[in-house]
């Protein structure tokens, strides 16, 4: 699917429904908990309990809903799940106590889980000869929708008022509703007869099981945002280059994600995190991954140093213009900058930018994507060790365990991969 937009008809309708639905879901992911605790003033313990119950119920909903979509027609079932999701979002605006919140959270989680299952037959039907490619495209659309939703929710986080949270949650409900209308406009998919044979065969696909566990780890640890880079890398690589990963690299990525979670403090409180910062880091991870993949598809200068210089110059010019437009120059006092700060800046320019970026460019040209992706897991280990050695920061058992997991992850990814792409 080389085109930016799929061909007209059912494919485009399904992509549009996915985009709008995931936009609403991105709003809920980013601002939902703060709306419940700051807007509705529900105790955090009750919110955590309700989300846990909703998640447990949704785990069991996907299989029967997917079965229902196969037997009764996927279009209606999929549109129905989106309507349920929209109704749940609208219900949040009227919930005031724990039990209404629990009902809305449960219906929302079930709609999200069941919607993906109900969409499966539609992807299979309209994916043509390459349904996996179409599914990868929808995955990219999903990421885009969540990112745009998070960007919209960042406004509510900056306002931090109940009316702002209600407005953004209401917008989420509307996006679900429009997505349901688009899904209902697709041609109907006739029910499928049950095929004889063994059940639960997906559990025999080990790479699939590992990927599912990796996705679960991502859902648990949203704070490790820069670790999205390897996942973006592999997702874009699979969509554009049709690359495949073996079990060992997938297991290595899962271990690396868990290791970074330990290094960053899994389950720590998210107080003080900027909504705009979350959006910017996620967008940066996606842009970095896309640039990494495109480096292997476009013509670049033969000199890695020249290529790095061109990219750093463009990025620096953009940041310089952005800082000027936001008034950063007015707070700059060159006379107050210490010699230590000038030395740190010089180190970042020479070692952290020119040398490191050039080395990364060479690695992108010569190594498989999975191997290149491990840099995002090794960096936190080096940062923790330098902080311990230079700044006397405390090294905890959890950090040691995380470092060990990351080392094992890199070994799994590299040992079976080819040396050259």
Foldseek 3Di string as FASTA:
>chain_A
DPDLADDDALLNLLLLLLLLLLLLVLLCVQCVLLLVCLQLVDDPVLVVVLLVVLQVLLVVQQVVLLLCCQAPWLLVSLLVLLLLLLVLLLQVLVDRDSPSVSVSSNSNSNSVNNNVSSCVVVLVVPVPPCSVLSVLSSVVSSLVSSLNSLVQNLVCVVVSYNVSSNVSSNSSSVSSNVSSVSSNPHDIDHHHDDDDDDPPCVVVVLQSVLVVVLVVLCVQDVPLQLLCLLVLLVSVCCNPVVDDDDNLLSNLSSLLSVLVCLLVPGPDDPPPDRSVVSSVSNVVSNVVSVVLNCLQVDDADPQLLVRLVVVVVVVVVVVVVVCVVVPVVVPDDPVPQDPVNVVVVVCCPPVVRRVVSSVLSVCSQWFDSSLSSLVSSVVSLVVVVCCCVPVVDDDDPSNVSSVVSSVSSNCSNPVPGDRGD
